[in-house]
């Protein structure tokens, strides 16, 4: 059984930084694209970015240049480094494994709140 567990969410002031982590168990982590999505209150879930491999990442335009995804295949972990945070980044952030169009597995999410 596959489990994805996010951590690192919390309350941060605007222009601050936060680092989210996601640990995967139950499958071969290195064979999966690892994604981050987010869902703001009252809105649909949006794609944030994907790590296809250690050296291949793609980001949504809204976070490009501010967020960085990194992965450690030896530790089955993917991180989302968030810099220059804005109040509009407030959302529940989800880790997901598999192709971005339809991930196979999802975590339960971690809440990030950015105050102005």
Protein backbone atom coordinates (compact mmCIF):
# COMPACT_ATOMS: atom_id res chain seq x y z
CA UNK A 1 0.00 0.00 0.00
CA UNK A 2 1.33 3.40 -0.99
CA UNK A 3 1.46 6.27 1.46
CA UNK A 4 2.42 9.86 0.84
CA UNK A 5 2.92 12.04 3.87
CA UNK A 6 3.42 15.78 3.59
CA UNK A 7 4.92 17.96 6.29
CA UNK A 8 6.23 21.46 6.79
CA UNK A 9 3.11 23.53 6.39
CA UNK A 10 2.29 26.40 8.68
CA UNK A 11 1.80 30.13 9.01
CA UNK A 12 4.33 32.47 7.42
CA UNK A 13 4.41 36.16 6.63
CA UNK A 14 4.45 37.46 3.10
CA UNK A 15 7.87 37.39 1.38
CA UNK A 16 8.87 34.65 3.82
CA UNK A 17 9.97 31.12 3.03
CA UNK A 18 8.71 27.65 3.80
CA UNK A 19 9.88 24.18 2.87
CA UNK A 20 7.46 21.32 2.43
CA UNK A 21 8.47 17.69 2.40
CA UNK A 22 6.72 14.55 1.20
CA UNK A 23 7.80 11.03 2.05
CA UNK A 24 6.57 8.11 -0.03
CA UNK A 25 6.39 4.52 1.12
CA UNK A 26 5.18 1.32 -0.48
CA UNK A 27 6.48 1.73 -4.03
CA UNK A 28 9.66 2.40 -5.93
CA UNK A 29 9.93 6.15 -5.46
CA UNK A 30 12.52 6.74 -8.16
CA UNK A 31 10.23 5.42 -10.88
CA UNK A 32 7.52 8.02 -10.19
CA UNK A 33 7.06 11.58 -11.28
CA UNK A 34 6.47 13.51 -8.06
CA UNK A 35 4.07 16.42 -8.12
CA UNK A 36 2.92 19.24 -5.94
CA UNK A 37 -0.60 20.59 -6.25
CA UNK A 38 -2.44 23.14 -4.15
CA UNK A 39 -6.01 24.05 -3.41
CA UNK A 40 -6.90 27.48 -2.13
CA UNK A 41 -10.10 27.99 -0.13
CA UNK A 42 -13.11 27.89 -2.41
CA UNK A 43 -11.05 27.11 -5.50
CA UNK A 44 -10.13 24.08 -7.56
CA UNK A 45 -6.93 22.18 -7.05
CA UNK A 46 -4.10 23.58 -9.17
CA UNK A 47 -0.85 22.15 -10.43
CA UNK A 48 2.25 23.65 -8.81
CA UNK A 49 5.07 21.61 -10.30
CA UNK A 50 6.48 18.20 -11.07
CA UNK A 51 9.81 16.49 -10.67
CA UNK A 52 10.22 13.95 -13.47
CA UNK A 53 13.71 13.21 -12.24
CA UNK A 54 16.42 14.86 -10.16
CA UNK A 55 17.31 17.15 -13.05
CA UNK A 56 13.97 17.58 -14.77
CA UNK A 57 11.34 19.79 -13.17
CA UNK A 58 8.45 21.80 -14.54
CA UNK A 59 6.58 24.59 -12.74
CA UNK A 60 3.34 26.46 -13.07
CA UNK A 61 3.83 30.03 -14.23
CA UNK A 62 2.40 31.34 -10.97
CA UNK A 63 5.30 29.91 -8.95
CA UNK A 64 8.14 29.87 -11.47
CA UNK A 65 11.22 31.57 -10.06
CA UNK A 66 9.91 31.41 -6.49
CA UNK A 67 9.34 27.70 -5.84
CA UNK A 68 11.83 24.87 -6.30
CA UNK A 69 11.15 21.15 -6.28
CA UNK A 70 13.92 18.79 -5.30
CA UNK A 71 13.91 15.07 -4.73
CA UNK A 72 16.08 12.60 -2.88
CA UNK A 73 15.48 9.18 -4.38
CA UNK A 74 17.58 7.50 -1.70
CA UNK A 75 15.24 8.87 0.99
CA UNK A 76 11.99 8.55 -1.00
CA UNK A 77 11.43 12.23 -0.39
CA UNK A 78 10.46 15.23 -2.46
CA UNK A 79 10.66 18.81 -1.23
CA UNK A 80 8.99 22.04 -2.23
CA UNK A 81 11.05 25.09 -1.34
CA UNK A 82 8.83 28.15 -1.39
CA UNK A 83 10.40 31.59 -1.40
CA UNK A 84 8.95 35.08 -1.69
CA UNK A 85 5.60 33.80 -0.52
CA UNK A 86 2.48 35.80 -1.25
CA UNK A 87 -0.92 35.76 0.45
CA UNK A 88 -2.32 34.18 -2.72
CA UNK A 89 -0.08 31.17 -2.12
CA UNK A 90 -2.29 30.28 0.84
CA UNK A 91 -3.64 26.79 0.19
CA UNK A 92 -3.55 23.17 1.15
CA UNK A 93 -0.53 21.69 -0.60
CA UNK A 94 -0.69 18.12 -1.83
CA UNK A 95 2.03 15.75 -2.87
CA UNK A 96 1.12 13.28 -5.62
CA UNK A 97 2.95 10.45 -7.37
CA UNK A 98 2.48 9.66 -11.03
CA UNK A 99 1.84 11.62 -14.22
CA UNK A 100 0.65 15.18 -13.52
CA UNK A 101 -2.47 14.73 -15.64
CA UNK A 102 -3.68 11.90 -13.46
CA UNK A 103 -1.50 10.99 -10.49
CA UNK A 104 -1.75 7.50 -9.09
CA UNK A 105 -1.38 8.42 -5.43
CA UNK A 106 -2.09 11.45 -3.27
CA UNK A 107 -1.13 12.62 0.15
CA UNK A 108 -3.61 14.19 2.53
CA UNK A 109 -2.14 17.65 2.24
CA UNK A 110 -0.55 20.24 4.46
CA UNK A 111 -1.89 23.73 5.02
CA UNK A 112 0.18 26.78 4.15
CA UNK A 113 -1.10 30.16 5.27
CA UNK A 114 0.64 33.32 4.16
CA UNK A 115 -0.28 36.47 6.04
CA UNK A 116 0.01 39.94 4.55
